[in-house]
Amino acid sequence: MKFEFMNYDSRFSRILNRLTELVLLNFVFILTCLPIFTIGASVTALYSTTLKMVRNEEGYIFQGYFKDFAANFKQATAFWIIELLLYFQLHVLSVAAAVNGGFMIQAYTVITWALGILYSIYFLFVFPLTATFRNTFLQIAKNAFVMIISHLPWVLAAYLIVAAPLAVSFGINTRILQFAMLFWILIGFALVTFLSSFFLNRVFARYRQDE
């Protein structure tokens, strides 16, 4: 009785097991992101895995991760390339602002920040949507807009869970960044994706029932 918390079915053991899975999943995610152009497929596979985890449907986690990575590679990579091009557009705007100077710097700063946030919200949703439903590229792109608007509070909650730690980690000072890097390398990407999946799963659940 004294060591009941160590039993396999105890709440403590389940939490410890889940954290261990997230640490290992984080390592696999980072590994598959290293070629850079595979980041879209990696994010999609990560969301596919964590969405199953919050529904307790994950099965063999790593086998499922690589299966989803391969199955969604083309669509996810296409979305990733588009995302990179859009952020490159923002970089061009910031350079143009610096060249023009004066009022243009302030105006372009507001525009780039606003567009950057909108882009990041959209693509945060596109990758898990790609992971959850089989559809054409154009249909996924269209459905993402509709579903984001229809379920904005849940989508924003999922976005903030991912965006807030990233902003704190990389947007304050180098001392925090040193500790933050350890967090992201150890468990961070998998953990924030797992937490945001609770909110995204509420959005997707209604549409899974309609399939």
Protein backbone atom coordinates (compact mmCIF):
# COMPACT_ATOMS: atom_id res chain seq x y z
CA MET A 1 0.00 0.00 0.00
CA LYS A 2 2.85 2.34 0.83
CA PHE A 3 4.21 2.13 -2.74
CA GLU A 4 0.88 2.12 -4.54
CA PHE A 5 1.92 5.18 -6.54
CA MET A 6 4.56 3.01 -8.22
CA ASN A 7 1.98 0.59 -9.62
CA TYR A 8 1.80 0.57 -13.40
CA ASP A 9 -1.87 1.64 -13.38
CA SER A 10 -1.41 4.42 -10.84
CA ARG A 11 -1.88 8.05 -11.87
CA PHE A 12 1.78 8.78 -11.14
CA SER A 13 2.97 5.92 -13.36
CA ARG A 14 0.69 6.97 -16.21
CA ILE A 15 1.95 10.56 -16.04
CA LEU A 16 5.57 9.39 -15.90
CA ASN A 17 5.00 7.04 -18.83
CA ARG A 18 3.39 9.81 -20.87
CA LEU A 19 6.27 12.22 -20.14
CA THR A 20 8.75 9.54 -21.19
CA GLU A 21 6.86 9.05 -24.46
CA LEU A 22 6.92 12.80 -25.07
CA VAL A 23 10.68 12.99 -24.47
CA LEU A 24 11.31 10.21 -26.98
CA LEU A 25 8.78 11.67 -29.42
CA ASN A 26 10.51 15.05 -29.14
CA PHE A 27 13.83 13.45 -30.06
CA VAL A 28 12.34 11.76 -33.14
CA PHE A 29 10.67 15.01 -34.18
CA ILE A 30 13.92 16.98 -33.98
CA LEU A 31 15.72 14.24 -35.87
CA THR A 32 13.24 14.28 -38.75
CA CYS A 33 13.33 18.10 -38.88
CA LEU A 34 17.08 18.26 -39.54
CA PRO A 35 16.86 18.33 -43.36
CA ILE A 36 14.76 21.56 -42.92
CA PHE A 37 12.55 20.85 -45.95
CA THR A 38 10.97 17.97 -43.98
CA ILE A 39 9.76 20.24 -41.16
CA GLY A 40 6.21 20.39 -42.54
CA ALA A 41 5.92 16.60 -42.64
CA SER A 42 7.50 16.37 -39.18
CA VAL A 43 5.04 18.83 -37.64
CA THR A 44 2.15 16.99 -39.28
CA ALA A 45 3.36 13.62 -37.98
CA LEU A 46 3.90 15.11 -34.52
CA TYR A 47 0.36 16.47 -34.41
CA SER A 48 -1.05 13.23 -35.78
CA THR A 49 0.65 11.37 -32.92
CA THR A 50 -0.28 13.79 -30.13
CA LEU A 51 -3.90 14.05 -31.31
CA LYS A 52 -4.11 10.26 -31.03
CA MET A 53 -2.45 10.44 -27.62
CA VAL A 54 -5.09 12.79 -26.22
CA ARG A 55 -7.75 10.36 -27.48
CA ASN A 56 -5.77 7.37 -26.12
CA GLU A 57 -5.63 5.89 -29.62
CA GLU A 58 -1.89 6.14 -30.26
CA GLY A 59 -0.91 2.45 -30.36
CA TYR A 60 2.77 2.12 -31.23
CA ILE A 61 3.82 5.76 -31.14
CA PHE A 62 6.96 5.69 -33.24
CA GLN A 63 5.60 3.32 -35.84
CA GLY A 64 2.57 5.59 -36.17
CA TYR A 65 4.76 8.71 -36.33
CA PHE A 66 6.80 7.48 -39.29
CA LYS A 67 3.72 6.10 -41.02
CA ASP A 68 2.00 9.49 -40.81
CA PHE A 69 5.24 11.25 -41.79
CA ALA A 70 5.34 9.27 -45.06
CA ALA A 71 1.59 9.40 -45.73
CA ASN A 72 1.35 13.20 -45.42
CA PHE A 73 4.78 14.10 -46.78
CA LYS A 74 3.69 15.64 -50.11
CA GLN A 75 0.84 17.78 -48.82
CA ALA A 76 2.66 18.84 -45.65
CA THR A 77 5.80 19.78 -47.57
CA ALA A 78 3.76 21.83 -50.03
CA PHE A 79 2.19 23.77 -47.14
CA TRP A 80 5.62 24.19 -45.54
CA ILE A 81 7.10 25.66 -48.75
CA ILE A 82 4.18 28.10 -49.02
CA GLU A 83 4.68 29.10 -45.38
CA LEU A 84 8.37 29.77 -45.99
CA LEU A 85 7.56 31.88 -49.05
CA LEU A 86 5.05 33.93 -47.07
CA TYR A 87 7.56 34.58 -44.30
CA PHE A 88 10.12 35.52 -46.95
CA GLN A 89 7.57 38.05 -48.17
CA LEU A 90 7.49 39.52 -44.66
CA HIS A 91 11.27 39.75 -44.68
CA VAL A 92 11.12 41.66 -47.99
CA LEU A 93 8.61 44.06 -46.42
CA SER A 94 10.88 44.68 -43.46
CA VAL A 95 13.83 45.38 -45.76
CA ALA A 96 11.67 47.77 -47.80
CA ALA A 97 10.70 49.53 -44.58
CA ALA A 98 14.33 49.96 -43.57
CA VAL A 99 15.18 51.39 -47.01
CA ASN A 100 12.29 53.86 -47.02
CA GLY A 101 12.71 54.86 -43.37
CA GLY A 102 10.52 57.31 -41.47
CA PHE A 103 6.83 56.53 -41.26
CA MET A 104 7.25 53.47 -43.53
CA ILE A 105 9.21 51.64 -40.81
CA GLN A 106 6.32 51.96 -38.36
CA ALA A 107 3.68 51.08 -40.94
CA TYR A 108 5.55 48.04 -42.24
CA THR A 109 6.34 46.89 -38.70
CA VAL A 110 2.63 46.80 -37.88
CA ILE A 111 1.83 45.06 -41.18
CA THR A 112 4.54 42.42 -40.84
CA TRP A 113 3.62 41.60 -37.25
CA ALA A 114 -0.07 41.34 -38.11
CA LEU A 115 0.57 39.15 -41.16
CA GLY A 116 3.10 37.05 -39.26
CA ILE A 117 0.59 36.26 -36.52
CA LEU A 118 -2.13 35.45 -39.05
CA TYR A 119 0.20 33.19 -41.02
CA SER A 120 1.33 31.36 -37.90
CA ILE A 121 -2.26 30.81 -36.69
CA TYR A 122 -3.26 29.48 -40.10
CA PHE A 123 -0.37 27.07 -40.49
CA LEU A 124 -0.57 25.94 -36.88
CA PHE A 125 -4.02 24.71 -37.86
CA VAL A 126 -3.23 23.43 -41.37
CA PHE A 127 -0.69 20.82 -40.28
CA PRO A 128 -2.90 19.06 -37.69
CA LEU A 129 -5.82 19.33 -40.12
CA THR A 130 -3.71 17.57 -42.75
CA ALA A 131 -2.84 14.93 -40.16
CA THR A 132 -6.46 14.30 -39.20
CA PHE A 133 -8.43 14.29 -42.45
CA ARG A 134 -7.66 12.87 -45.87
CA ASN A 135 -8.51 15.45 -48.52
CA THR A 136 -7.09 17.32 -51.49
CA PHE A 137 -4.55 20.08 -50.96
CA LEU A 138 -6.96 22.83 -52.02
CA GLN A 139 -9.79 21.44 -49.91
CA ILE A 140 -7.58 21.35 -46.80
CA ALA A 141 -6.44 24.93 -47.47
CA LYS A 142 -10.06 26.06 -47.83
CA ASN A 143 -11.36 24.06 -44.85
CA ALA A 144 -8.66 25.52 -42.63
CA PHE A 145 -9.98 29.06 -43.17
CA VAL A 146 -13.57 28.02 -42.48
CA MET A 147 -12.76 25.96 -39.40
CA ILE A 148 -10.48 28.60 -37.88
CA ILE A 149 -13.21 31.24 -38.14
CA SER A 150 -15.88 28.83 -36.89
CA HIS A 151 -13.85 27.71 -33.87
CA LEU A 152 -11.67 30.74 -33.24
CA PRO A 153 -11.55 30.54 -29.39
CA TRP A 154 -10.30 26.94 -29.43
CA VAL A 155 -7.84 27.64 -32.25
CA LEU A 156 -6.46 30.69 -30.44
CA ALA A 157 -6.07 28.68 -27.24
CA ALA A 158 -4.08 26.04 -29.14
CA TYR A 159 -2.02 28.77 -30.80
CA LEU A 160 -1.16 30.52 -27.53
CA ILE A 161 0.00 27.26 -25.94
CA VAL A 162 2.59 26.96 -28.72
CA ALA A 163 3.35 30.63 -29.38
CA ALA A 164 3.70 31.88 -25.79
CA PRO A 165 6.56 29.54 -24.79
CA LEU A 166 8.33 30.26 -28.07
CA ALA A 167 8.00 34.01 -27.54
CA VAL A 168 9.33 33.75 -23.99
CA SER A 169 12.17 31.48 -25.07
CA PHE A 170 13.45 33.46 -28.03
CA GLY A 171 12.14 36.97 -27.50
CA ILE A 172 13.43 38.14 -24.12
CA ASN A 173 17.15 37.66 -23.46
CA THR A 174 19.99 35.24 -24.02
CA ARG A 175 20.01 34.01 -20.41
CA ILE A 176 16.47 32.69 -20.74
CA LEU A 177 17.32 31.31 -24.16
CA GLN A 178 20.07 29.13 -22.67
CA PHE A 179 17.60 27.39 -20.36
CA ALA A 180 14.86 27.39 -22.98
CA MET A 181 17.02 25.52 -25.49
CA LEU A 182 17.39 22.67 -23.00
CA PHE A 183 13.61 22.58 -22.58
CA TRP A 184 12.94 22.49 -26.33
CA ILE A 185 15.60 19.88 -27.00
CA LEU A 186 14.47 17.65 -24.13
CA ILE A 187 10.67 17.73 -24.41
CA GLY A 188 9.42 21.17 -25.48
CA PHE A 189 8.15 20.60 -29.03
CA ALA A 190 6.28 17.41 -28.16
CA LEU A 191 4.90 18.83 -24.91
CA VAL A 192 3.40 22.05 -26.31
CA THR A 193 2.03 20.13 -29.30
CA PHE A 194 0.47 17.59 -26.95
CA LEU A 195 -1.14 20.32 -24.82
CA SER A 196 -2.44 22.23 -27.84
CA SER A 197 -3.88 18.98 -29.21
CA PHE A 198 -6.44 18.92 -26.41
CA PHE A 199 -7.99 22.09 -27.86
CA LEU A 200 -7.61 21.07 -31.50
CA ASN A 201 -9.16 17.70 -30.77
CA ARG A 202 -12.32 19.46 -29.58
CA VAL A 203 -12.51 21.20 -32.97
CA PHE A 204 -11.87 18.06 -35.01
CA ALA A 205 -14.15 15.78 -32.96
CA ARG A 206 -17.32 17.25 -34.48
CA TYR A 207 -16.08 16.70 -38.03
CA ARG A 208 -14.88 13.17 -37.36
CA GLN A 209 -18.41 12.29 -36.26
CA ASP A 210 -19.76 13.63 -39.57
CA GLU A 211 -17.45 11.51 -41.68
